[in-house]
C-alpha atoms as a PDB file:
ATOM      1  CA  MET A   1       0.000   0.000   0.000  1.00  0.00           C
ATOM      2  CA  HIS A   2       1.285   3.422  -0.939  1.00  0.00           C
ATOM      3  CA  VAL A   3       0.477   6.226   1.457  1.00  0.00           C
ATOM      4  CA  ARG A   4       1.184   9.890   1.462  1.00  0.00           C
ATOM      5  CA  LEU A   5       2.325  12.058   4.363  1.00  0.00           C
ATOM      6  CA  VAL A   6       1.041  15.622   4.113  1.00  0.00           C
ATOM      7  CA  ALA A   7       1.368  18.553   6.485  1.00  0.00           C
ATOM      8  CA  THR A   8      -0.290  21.928   6.581  1.00  0.00           C
ATOM      9  CA  TYR A   9       0.276  24.846   8.920  1.00  0.00           C
ATOM     10  CA  ASN A  10      -2.718  26.038  10.927  1.00  0.00           C
ATOM     11  CA  SER A  11      -2.105  29.720  11.627  1.00  0.00           C
ATOM     12  CA  GLU A  12      -4.937  29.932  14.179  1.00  0.00           C
ATOM     13  CA  GLU A  13      -3.475  27.145  16.323  1.00  0.00           C
ATOM     14  CA  LYS A  14       0.099  28.026  15.324  1.00  0.00           C
ATOM     15  CA  LYS A  15       1.015  24.413  14.654  1.00  0.00           C
ATOM     16  CA  TYR A  16       1.260  21.883  11.867  1.00  0.00           C
ATOM     17  CA  HIS A  17      -1.411  19.276  11.206  1.00  0.00           C
ATOM     18  CA  ILE A  18       0.009  16.086   9.749  1.00  0.00           C
ATOM     19  CA  TYR A  19      -2.027  13.478   7.899  1.00  0.00           C
ATOM     20  CA  ILE A  20      -1.285  10.068   6.448  1.00  0.00           C
ATOM     21  CA  THR A  21      -3.552   9.281   3.524  1.00  0.00           C
ATOM     22  CA  ASN A  22      -3.846   7.058   0.503  1.00  0.00           C
ATOM     23  CA  ILE A  23      -5.475   9.865  -1.520  1.00  0.00           C
ATOM     24  CA  GLN A  24      -3.263  10.716  -4.474  1.00  0.00           C
ATOM     25  CA  LYS A  25      -2.089  14.311  -4.953  1.00  0.00           C
ATOM     26  CA  ASP A  26      -3.812  14.557  -8.334  1.00  0.00           C
ATOM     27  CA  VAL A  27      -7.145  13.842  -6.576  1.00  0.00           C
ATOM     28  CA  LEU A  28      -6.902  16.201  -3.579  1.00  0.00           C
ATOM     29  CA  ASP A  29      -4.296  18.760  -2.619  1.00  0.00           C
ATOM     30  CA  VAL A  30      -3.013  19.324   0.927  1.00  0.00           C
ATOM     31  CA  ASN A  31      -5.622  21.943   1.848  1.00  0.00           C
ATOM     32  CA  ASP A  32      -8.486  19.767   0.601  1.00  0.00           C
ATOM     33  CA  ILE A  33      -7.179  16.820   2.610  1.00  0.00           C
ATOM     34  CA  ALA A  34      -7.039  18.986   5.730  1.00  0.00           C
ATOM     35  CA  LYS A  35     -10.657  20.079   5.186  1.00  0.00           C
ATOM     36  CA  LEU A  36     -11.737  16.493   4.561  1.00  0.00           C
ATOM     37  CA  TYR A  37     -10.105  15.188   7.730  1.00  0.00           C
ATOM     38  CA  GLU A  38     -11.525  18.097   9.742  1.00  0.00           C
ATOM     39  CA  ALA A  39     -15.022  17.144   8.559  1.00  0.00           C
ATOM     40  CA  ARG A  40     -14.373  13.463   9.286  1.00  0.00           C
ATOM     41  CA  TRP A  41     -13.258  14.378  12.812  1.00  0.00           C
ATOM     42  CA  GLU A  42     -16.512  16.266  13.410  1.00  0.00           C
ATOM     43  CA  ILE A  43     -18.443  13.185  12.291  1.00  0.00           C
ATOM     44  CA  GLU A  44     -16.413  11.000  14.665  1.00  0.00           C
ATOM     45  CA  LEU A  45     -17.189  13.358  17.544  1.00  0.00           C
ATOM     46  CA  LEU A  46     -20.890  13.281  16.662  1.00  0.00           C
ATOM     47  CA  PHE A  47     -20.953   9.473  16.683  1.00  0.00           C
ATOM     48  CA  LYS A  48     -19.043   9.406  19.974  1.00  0.00           C
ATOM     49  CA  GLU A  49     -21.681  11.715  21.483  1.00  0.00           C
ATOM     50  CA  LEU A  50     -24.520   9.634  20.056  1.00  0.00           C
ATOM     51  CA  LYS A  51     -23.069   6.421  21.461  1.00  0.00           C
ATOM     52  CA  SER A  52     -22.307   7.806  24.915  1.00  0.00           C
ATOM     53  CA  GLY A  53     -25.223  10.194  25.373  1.00  0.00           C
ATOM     54  CA  TYR A  54     -27.937   8.178  23.673  1.00  0.00           C
ATOM     55  CA  ALA A  55     -26.598   4.619  24.094  1.00  0.00           C
ATOM     56  CA  LEU A  56     -27.015   3.939  20.382  1.00  0.00           C
ATOM     57  CA  ASP A  57     -24.340   1.278  20.611  1.00  0.00           C
ATOM     58  CA  GLU A  58     -26.627  -0.700  22.937  1.00  0.00           C
ATOM     59  CA  LEU A  59     -29.791  -0.890  20.830  1.00  0.00           C
ATOM     60  CA  ASP A  60     -31.381  -4.301  21.208  1.00  0.00           C
ATOM     61  CA  THR A  61     -32.972  -4.545  17.779  1.00  0.00           C
ATOM     62  CA  LYS A  62     -32.088  -5.515  14.253  1.00  0.00           C
ATOM     63  CA  ASN A  63     -35.023  -3.645  12.762  1.00  0.00           C
ATOM     64  CA  VAL A  64     -33.508  -1.138  10.336  1.00  0.00           C
ATOM     65  CA  GLN A  65     -36.439   1.290  10.643  1.00  0.00           C
ATOM     66  CA  ILE A  66     -36.147   1.424  14.444  1.00  0.00           C
ATOM     67  CA  ILE A  67     -32.390   1.936  14.297  1.00  0.00           C
ATOM     68  CA  SER A  68     -32.813   4.668  11.687  1.00  0.00           C
ATOM     69  CA  ALA A  69     -35.471   6.391  13.795  1.00  0.00           C
ATOM     70  CA  PHE A  70     -33.223   6.343  16.892  1.00  0.00           C
ATOM     71  CA  ILE A  71     -30.280   7.733  14.942  1.00  0.00           C
ATOM     72  CA  TRP A  72     -32.309  10.541  13.315  1.00  0.00           C
ATOM     73  CA  THR A  73     -33.979  11.429  16.625  1.00  0.00           C
ATOM     74  CA  SER A  74     -30.601  11.625  18.332  1.00  0.00           C
ATOM     75  CA  ILE A  75     -29.109  13.758  15.552  1.00  0.00           C
ATOM     76  CA  LEU A  76     -32.089  16.123  15.594  1.00  0.00           C
ATOM     77  CA  THR A  77     -31.754  16.658  19.337  1.00  0.00           C
ATOM     78  CA  GLN A  78     -28.104  17.602  18.752  1.00  0.00           C
ATOM     79  CA  VAL A  79     -29.142  20.275  16.272  1.00  0.00           C
END
């Protein structure tokens, strides 16, 4: 597997952000990768909140409609 190490300077935080990715440079440049990973991190934090605050990781059902309803209800309460 070929991976790429990219770094970008965040002037607000006054530090570098370093990413390891398999996205080729002709697909996304460094700034786009930083934006992508920032968005992915926000999604990870949302799922962490949903699992801990709403116990979505402990649902005792396999019914897709019920799971979907719980997820959407939890997301809407976050908004």
